[in-house]
PDB file of N, CA and C in Angstrom:
ATOM      1  N   GLY A   1      10.260   2.353 -27.790  1.00  0.00           N
ATOM      2  CA  GLY A   1      10.179   1.094 -28.938  1.00  0.00           C
ATOM      3  C   GLY A   1      12.001   1.077 -28.794  1.00  0.00           C
ATOM      4  N   HIS A   2      12.262   0.047 -30.207  1.00  0.00           N
ATOM      5  CA  HIS A   2      13.277  -0.047 -30.107  1.00  0.00           C
ATOM      6  C   HIS A   2      14.218   0.785 -30.730  1.00  0.00           C
ATOM      7  N   VAL A   3      13.653   2.094 -31.868  1.00  0.00           N
ATOM      8  CA  VAL A   3      14.450   2.838 -31.640  1.00  0.00           C
ATOM      9  C   VAL A   3      14.526   4.081 -30.845  1.00  0.00           C
ATOM     10  N   GLU A   4      13.328   4.135 -29.702  1.00  0.00           N
ATOM     11  CA  GLU A   4      13.913   5.017 -28.563  1.00  0.00           C
ATOM     12  C   GLU A   4      14.856   4.369 -27.918  1.00  0.00           C
ATOM     13  N   ASN A   5      15.247   3.428 -27.920  1.00  0.00           N
ATOM     14  CA  ASN A   5      15.539   2.813 -26.965  1.00  0.00           C
ATOM     15  C   ASN A   5      17.358   2.545 -27.665  1.00  0.00           C
ATOM     16  N   ARG A   6      17.532   2.529 -28.481  1.00  0.00           N
ATOM     17  CA  ARG A   6      18.525   2.713 -28.837  1.00  0.00           C
ATOM     18  C   ARG A   6      19.482   4.105 -29.298  1.00  0.00           C
ATOM     19  N   LEU A   7      18.556   5.176 -29.998  1.00  0.00           N
ATOM     20  CA  LEU A   7      18.616   6.580 -29.172  1.00  0.00           C
ATOM     21  C   LEU A   7      19.361   7.255 -27.567  1.00  0.00           C
ATOM     22  N   ALA A   8      18.471   6.328 -26.908  1.00  0.00           N
ATOM     23  CA  ALA A   8      18.578   6.967 -25.270  1.00  0.00           C
ATOM     24  C   ALA A   8      20.406   6.054 -25.336  1.00  0.00           C
ATOM     25  N   ASN A   9      20.075   5.093 -25.933  1.00  0.00           N
ATOM     26  CA  ASN A   9      22.148   4.180 -25.159  1.00  0.00           C
ATOM     27  C   ASN A   9      22.724   4.820 -25.808  1.00  0.00           C
ATOM     28  N   LEU A  10      22.778   5.661 -27.565  1.00  0.00           N
ATOM     29  CA  LEU A  10      23.755   5.934 -28.015  1.00  0.00           C
ATOM     30  C   LEU A  10      24.228   7.520 -27.361  1.00  0.00           C
ATOM     31  N   ALA A  11      22.794   8.367 -26.724  1.00  0.00           N
ATOM     32  CA  ALA A  11      22.961   9.384 -25.554  1.00  0.00           C
ATOM     33  C   ALA A  11      23.741   9.176 -24.272  1.00  0.00           C
ATOM     34  N   GLN A  12      23.593   7.858 -23.744  1.00  0.00           N
ATOM     35  CA  GLN A  12      23.865   7.879 -22.365  1.00  0.00           C
ATOM     36  C   GLN A  12      25.276   8.291 -22.676  1.00  0.00           C
ATOM     37  N   LYS A  13      26.059   6.992 -24.092  1.00  0.00           N
ATOM     38  CA  LYS A  13      27.160   6.362 -24.451  1.00  0.00           C
ATOM     39  C   LYS A  13      27.811   7.390 -24.561  1.00  0.00           C
ATOM     40  N   SER A  14      27.277   8.622 -25.168  1.00  0.00           N
ATOM     41  CA  SER A  14      27.475  10.058 -25.858  1.00  0.00           C
ATOM     42  C   SER A  14      27.757  10.993 -24.560  1.00  0.00           C
ATOM     43  N   LEU A  15      27.180  10.950 -24.289  1.00  0.00           N
ATOM     44  CA  LEU A  15      27.197  12.046 -21.851  1.00  0.00           C
ATOM     45  C   LEU A  15      28.636  11.928 -21.690  1.00  0.00           C
ATOM     46  N   GLN A  16      28.934  10.069 -21.605  1.00  0.00           N
ATOM     47  CA  GLN A  16      29.670   9.582 -20.934  1.00  0.00           C
ATOM     48  C   GLN A  16      31.281  10.258 -21.730  1.00  0.00           C
ATOM     49  N   VAL A  17      31.540   9.680 -22.671  1.00  0.00           N
ATOM     50  CA  VAL A  17      31.975  10.094 -23.517  1.00  0.00           C
ATOM     51  C   VAL A  17      32.757  12.002 -23.556  1.00  0.00           C
ATOM     52  N   PHE A  18      31.632  12.898 -23.460  1.00  0.00           N
ATOM     53  CA  PHE A  18      32.266  13.905 -23.189  1.00  0.00           C
ATOM     54  C   PHE A  18      32.756  13.875 -22.099  1.00  0.00           C
ATOM     55  N   ALA A  19      31.530  13.177 -20.301  1.00  0.00           N
ATOM     56  CA  ALA A  19      31.981  13.627 -19.029  1.00  0.00           C
ATOM     57  C   ALA A  19      33.790  12.886 -19.038  1.00  0.00           C
ATOM     58  N   ASP A  20      34.411  12.239 -19.683  1.00  0.00           N
ATOM     59  CA  ASP A  20      35.631  11.728 -19.852  1.00  0.00           C
ATOM     60  C   ASP A  20      36.935  12.152 -20.650  1.00  0.00           C
ATOM     61  N   VAL A  21      35.931  13.366 -21.569  1.00  0.00           N
ATOM     62  CA  VAL A  21      36.678  14.021 -21.860  1.00  0.00           C
ATOM     63  C   VAL A  21      37.277  15.544 -21.617  1.00  0.00           C
ATOM     64  N   ILE A  22      35.769  16.075 -21.112  1.00  0.00           N
ATOM     65  CA  ILE A  22      35.919  17.568 -20.279  1.00  0.00           C
ATOM     66  C   ILE A  22      34.804  16.993 -19.054  1.00  0.00           C
ATOM     67  N   THR A  23      35.273  18.593 -17.868  1.00  0.00           N
ATOM     68  CA  THR A  23      34.590  18.267 -16.185  1.00  0.00           C
ATOM     69  C   THR A  23      33.436  18.811 -17.329  1.00  0.00           C
ATOM     70  N   MET A  24      32.265  17.607 -16.518  1.00  0.00           N
ATOM     71  CA  MET A  24      30.904  18.086 -16.314  1.00  0.00           C
ATOM     72  C   MET A  24      30.147  17.593 -14.775  1.00  0.00           C
ATOM     73  N   TYR A  25      29.660  18.903 -14.548  1.00  0.00           N
ATOM     74  CA  TYR A  25      29.313  18.182 -13.676  1.00  0.00           C
ATOM     75  C   TYR A  25      27.415  18.286 -13.199  1.00  0.00           C
ATOM     76  N   GLN A  26      26.810  18.480 -14.594  1.00  0.00           N
ATOM     77  CA  GLN A  26      25.499  18.367 -14.500  1.00  0.00           C
ATOM     78  C   GLN A  26      25.191  19.053 -16.735  1.00  0.00           C
ATOM     79  N   ALA A  27      24.517  17.937 -16.625  1.00  0.00           N
ATOM     80  CA  ALA A  27      24.138  17.595 -18.457  1.00  0.00           C
ATOM     81  C   ALA A  27      22.997  16.935 -19.093  1.00  0.00           C
ATOM     82  N   GLY A  28      22.940  17.269 -20.003  1.00  0.00           N
ATOM     83  CA  GLY A  28      21.370  16.418 -20.256  1.00  0.00           C
ATOM     84  C   GLY A  28      21.330  16.057 -22.212  1.00  0.00           C
ATOM     85  N   LEU A  29      20.520  15.443 -22.714  1.00  0.00           N
ATOM     86  CA  LEU A  29      21.884  14.828 -24.357  1.00  0.00           C
ATOM     87  C   LEU A  29      19.433  15.275 -24.527  1.00  0.00           C
ATOM     88  N   TYR A  30      19.120  15.321 -25.126  1.00  0.00           N
ATOM     89  CA  TYR A  30      17.395  15.341 -25.544  1.00  0.00           C
ATOM     90  C   TYR A  30      17.606  15.496 -26.465  1.00  0.00           C
ATOM     91  N   GLU A  31      16.243  15.111 -27.282  1.00  0.00           N
ATOM     92  CA  GLU A  31      15.961  14.622 -28.320  1.00  0.00           C
ATOM     93  C   GLU A  31      15.129  15.604 -29.189  1.00  0.00           C
ATOM     94  N   ILE A  32      15.300  16.683 -30.674  1.00  0.00           N
ATOM     95  CA  ILE A  32      14.311  17.273 -31.500  1.00  0.00           C
ATOM     96  C   ILE A  32      14.521  16.881 -32.363  1.00  0.00           C
ATOM     97  N   ARG A  33      12.603  16.416 -31.791  1.00  0.00           N
ATOM     98  CA  ARG A  33      11.581  16.333 -33.326  1.00  0.00           C
ATOM     99  C   ARG A  33      10.889  17.135 -33.886  1.00  0.00           C
ATOM    100  N   ASP A  34      10.624  16.727 -35.323  1.00  0.00           N
ATOM    101  CA  ASP A  34      10.148  17.590 -36.345  1.00  0.00           C
ATOM    102  C   ASP A  34       9.866  19.521 -35.647  1.00  0.00           C
ATOM    103  N   GLY A  35      11.366  19.927 -34.972  1.00  0.00           N
ATOM    104  CA  GLY A  35      11.950  21.215 -34.622  1.00  0.00           C
ATOM    105  C   GLY A  35      11.613  22.011 -33.051  1.00  0.00           C
ATOM    106  N   LYS A  36      11.178  20.265 -32.336  1.00  0.00           N
ATOM    107  CA  LYS A  36      10.795  20.770 -30.991  1.00  0.00           C
ATOM    108  C   LYS A  36      11.429  19.932 -30.289  1.00  0.00           C
ATOM    109  N   LEU A  37      11.469  20.110 -28.816  1.00  0.00           N
ATOM    110  CA  LEU A  37      12.339  19.772 -27.957  1.00  0.00           C
ATOM    111  C   LEU A  37      11.593  18.663 -27.723  1.00  0.00           C
ATOM    112  N   VAL A  38      11.586  17.097 -27.064  1.00  0.00           N
ATOM    113  CA  VAL A  38      10.786  16.482 -27.332  1.00  0.00           C
ATOM    114  C   VAL A  38      11.325  16.366 -25.482  1.00  0.00           C
ATOM    115  N   PRO A  39      10.023  15.916 -24.895  1.00  0.00           N
ATOM    116  CA  PRO A  39      10.343  16.562 -22.832  1.00  0.00           C
ATOM    117  C   PRO A  39      10.834  14.466 -22.543  1.00  0.00           C
ATOM    118  N   GLY A  40      11.418  15.476 -21.330  1.00  0.00           N
ATOM    119  CA  GLY A  40      12.236  14.253 -21.047  1.00  0.00           C
ATOM    120  C   GLY A  40      14.251  14.027 -21.501  1.00  0.00           C
ATOM    121  N   ALA A  41      14.534  14.487 -20.790  1.00  0.00           N
ATOM    122  CA  ALA A  41      16.141  13.882 -21.443  1.00  0.00           C
ATOM    123  C   ALA A  41      16.556  12.505 -21.280  1.00  0.00           C
ATOM    124  N   LEU A  42      17.343  12.207 -23.231  1.00  0.00           N
ATOM    125  CA  LEU A  42      17.755  10.870 -23.597  1.00  0.00           C
ATOM    126  C   LEU A  42      18.857  10.230 -22.423  1.00  0.00           C
ATOM    127  N   ALA A  43      19.423  11.260 -21.775  1.00  0.00           N
ATOM    128  CA  ALA A  43      20.841  10.012 -20.950  1.00  0.00           C
ATOM    129  C   ALA A  43      20.794  12.181 -19.805  1.00  0.00           C
ATOM    130  N   THR A  44      21.590  12.199 -19.015  1.00  0.00           N
ATOM    131  CA  THR A  44      21.746  13.254 -17.783  1.00  0.00           C
ATOM    132  C   THR A  44      22.664  12.307 -16.829  1.00  0.00           C
ATOM    133  N   ILE A  45      23.809  13.334 -16.726  1.00  0.00           N
ATOM    134  CA  ILE A  45      25.087  13.307 -16.009  1.00  0.00           C
ATOM    135  C   ILE A  45      24.918  13.997 -15.299  1.00  0.00           C
ATOM    136  N   GLY A  46      24.977  13.800 -13.164  1.00  0.00           N
ATOM    137  CA  GLY A  46      25.048  14.893 -12.076  1.00  0.00           C
ATOM    138  C   GLY A  46      23.028  14.444 -11.952  1.00  0.00           C
ATOM    139  N   SER A  47      22.650  14.828 -10.425  1.00  0.00           N
ATOM    140  CA  SER A  47      21.579  14.375  -9.894  1.00  0.00           C
ATOM    141  C   SER A  47      20.733  15.695 -10.135  1.00  0.00           C
ATOM    142  N   GLU A  48      21.483  16.582 -10.268  1.00  0.00           N
ATOM    143  CA  GLU A  48      20.602  18.189 -10.385  1.00  0.00           C
ATOM    144  C   GLU A  48      20.222  18.959 -11.746  1.00  0.00           C
ATOM    145  N   HIS A  49      20.914  17.986 -12.607  1.00  0.00           N
ATOM    146  CA  HIS A  49      20.232  18.543 -14.177  1.00  0.00           C
ATOM    147  C   HIS A  49      19.034  19.344 -14.391  1.00  0.00           C
ATOM    148  N   VAL A  50      18.669  20.099 -15.569  1.00  0.00           N
ATOM    149  CA  VAL A  50      17.502  20.343 -15.223  1.00  0.00           C
ATOM    150  C   VAL A  50      17.678  21.304 -16.153  1.00  0.00           C
ATOM    151  N   LEU A  51      16.702  21.466 -17.511  1.00  0.00           N
ATOM    152  CA  LEU A  51      16.721  21.764 -18.392  1.00  0.00           C
ATOM    153  C   LEU A  51      16.285  23.519 -18.522  1.00  0.00           C
ATOM    154  N   ILE A  52      16.755  24.181 -19.093  1.00  0.00           N
ATOM    155  CA  ILE A  52      16.573  25.482 -18.687  1.00  0.00           C
ATOM    156  C   ILE A  52      15.762  25.574 -20.333  1.00  0.00           C
ATOM    157  N   ALA A  53      14.558  25.875 -20.573  1.00  0.00           N
ATOM    158  CA  ALA A  53      14.642  26.081 -21.813  1.00  0.00           C
ATOM    159  C   ALA A  53      14.558  28.002 -22.407  1.00  0.00           C
ATOM    160  N   ASP A  54      14.715  29.179 -21.194  1.00  0.00           N
ATOM    161  CA  ASP A  54      14.999  30.591 -22.136  1.00  0.00           C
ATOM    162  C   ASP A  54      16.816  30.731 -21.757  1.00  0.00           C
ATOM    163  N   ASP A  55      17.272  29.202 -21.999  1.00  0.00           N
ATOM    164  CA  ASP A  55      18.687  29.583 -21.422  1.00  0.00           C
ATOM    165  C   ASP A  55      19.707  29.635 -22.795  1.00  0.00           C
ATOM    166  N   LEU A  56      20.107  30.918 -23.052  1.00  0.00           N
ATOM    167  CA  LEU A  56      20.466  31.348 -24.518  1.00  0.00           C
ATOM    168  C   LEU A  56      21.930  30.947 -25.131  1.00  0.00           C
ATOM    169  N   MET A  57      22.256  29.623 -24.590  1.00  0.00           N
ATOM    170  CA  MET A  57      23.299  28.669 -25.618  1.00  0.00           C
ATOM    171  C   MET A  57      22.065  27.087 -26.076  1.00  0.00           C
ATOM    172  N   LEU A  58      21.136  27.302 -25.493  1.00  0.00           N
ATOM    173  CA  LEU A  58      19.864  26.633 -25.813  1.00  0.00           C
ATOM    174  C   LEU A  58      19.002  27.024 -27.652  1.00  0.00           C
ATOM    175  N   GLN A  59      18.978  27.851 -27.149  1.00  0.00           N
ATOM    176  CA  GLN A  59      18.171  29.091 -28.070  1.00  0.00           C
ATOM    177  C   GLN A  59      19.456  29.199 -29.168  1.00  0.00           C
ATOM    178  N   ASP A  60      20.329  29.415 -29.567  1.00  0.00           N
ATOM    179  CA  ASP A  60      21.269  29.389 -30.008  1.00  0.00           C
ATOM    180  C   ASP A  60      21.387  28.026 -30.888  1.00  0.00           C
ATOM    181  N   VAL A  61      20.983  26.621 -30.321  1.00  0.00           N
ATOM    182  CA  VAL A  61      20.795  25.658 -31.235  1.00  0.00           C
ATOM    183  C   VAL A  61      19.677  25.460 -32.193  1.00  0.00           C
ATOM    184  N   TYR A  62      18.885  26.743 -31.606  1.00  0.00           N
ATOM    185  CA  TYR A  62      17.500  26.679 -31.493  1.00  0.00           C
ATOM    186  C   TYR A  62      18.254  27.469 -33.169  1.00  0.00           C
ATOM    187  N   THR A  63      18.319  28.780 -32.703  1.00  0.00           N
ATOM    188  CA  THR A  63      18.737  29.970 -34.566  1.00  0.00           C
ATOM    189  C   THR A  63      19.620  28.514 -35.001  1.00  0.00           C
ATOM    190  N   SER A  64      21.064  28.191 -34.740  1.00  0.00           N
ATOM    191  CA  SER A  64      21.736  27.863 -35.499  1.00  0.00           C
ATOM    192  C   SER A  64      22.003  26.145 -36.065  1.00  0.00           C
ATOM    193  N   LYS A  65      20.440  26.064 -35.715  1.00  0.00           N
ATOM    194  CA  LYS A  65      20.604  24.123 -35.752  1.00  0.00           C
ATOM    195  C   LYS A  65      22.448  24.003 -35.726  1.00  0.00           C
ATOM    196  N   ALA A  66      23.087  24.248 -34.796  1.00  0.00           N
ATOM    197  CA  ALA A  66      23.959  23.100 -34.479  1.00  0.00           C
ATOM    198  C   ALA A  66      24.433  22.791 -33.691  1.00  0.00           C
ATOM    199  N   VAL A  67      24.121  21.662 -34.453  1.00  0.00           N
ATOM    200  CA  VAL A  67      24.274  20.519 -33.083  1.00  0.00           C
ATOM    201  C   VAL A  67      25.135  19.579 -33.546  1.00  0.00           C
ATOM    202  N   LEU A  68      25.481  17.929 -32.161  1.00  0.00           N
ATOM    203  CA  LEU A  68      26.580  17.367 -32.495  1.00  0.00           C
ATOM    204  C   LEU A  68      25.662  16.068 -32.975  1.00  0.00           C
ATOM    205  N   SER A  69      25.946  15.528 -33.600  1.00  0.00           N
ATOM    206  CA  SER A  69      25.611  13.917 -34.874  1.00  0.00           C
ATOM    207  C   SER A  69      26.645  13.148 -34.511  1.00  0.00           C
ATOM    208  N   PRO A  70      26.353  11.452 -33.891  1.00  0.00           N
ATOM    209  CA  PRO A  70      26.959  10.631 -33.946  1.00  0.00           C
ATOM    210  C   PRO A  70      27.575  10.854 -34.660  1.00  0.00           C
ATOM    211  N   ALA A  71      27.770  11.065 -36.533  1.00  0.00           N
ATOM    212  CA  ALA A  71      28.368  11.243 -37.686  1.00  0.00           C
ATOM    213  C   ALA A  71      29.960  12.061 -37.515  1.00  0.00           C
ATOM    214  N   ASN A  72      29.967  12.766 -36.207  1.00  0.00           N
ATOM    215  CA  ASN A  72      30.745  13.899 -35.372  1.00  0.00           C
ATOM    216  C   ASN A  72      32.051  13.100 -34.999  1.00  0.00           C
ATOM    217  N   PHE A  73      31.401  11.539 -34.316  1.00  0.00           N
ATOM    218  CA  PHE A  73      32.334  11.050 -33.740  1.00  0.00           C
ATOM    219  C   PHE A  73      33.203   9.785 -34.513  1.00  0.00           C
ATOM    220  N   ILE A  74      32.301   9.505 -35.783  1.00  0.00           N
ATOM    221  CA  ILE A  74      33.549   8.731 -36.632  1.00  0.00           C
ATOM    222  C   ILE A  74      34.171   9.203 -37.120  1.00  0.00           C
ATOM    223  N   ASP A  75      33.936  10.520 -37.737  1.00  0.00           N
ATOM    224  CA  ASP A  75      35.262  11.528 -38.226  1.00  0.00           C
ATOM    225  C   ASP A  75      36.203  11.789 -37.743  1.00  0.00           C
TER     226      ASP A  75
END
């Protein structure tokens, strides 16, 4: 729907900003809904990006709930 398209568009633009600021060869932005990862990336950079479910950084995000939001770009 419309909300999903807006979210995917924001994700792609955000990922491009990250790539412009720091060097990234592979990355993806994913949605978390009701505390669960929604399958399929909203946006990716690199042709071989693969989400690794047991990655320590991803596990830290689940634990700390420290995530980047669009509001971080506004501040």
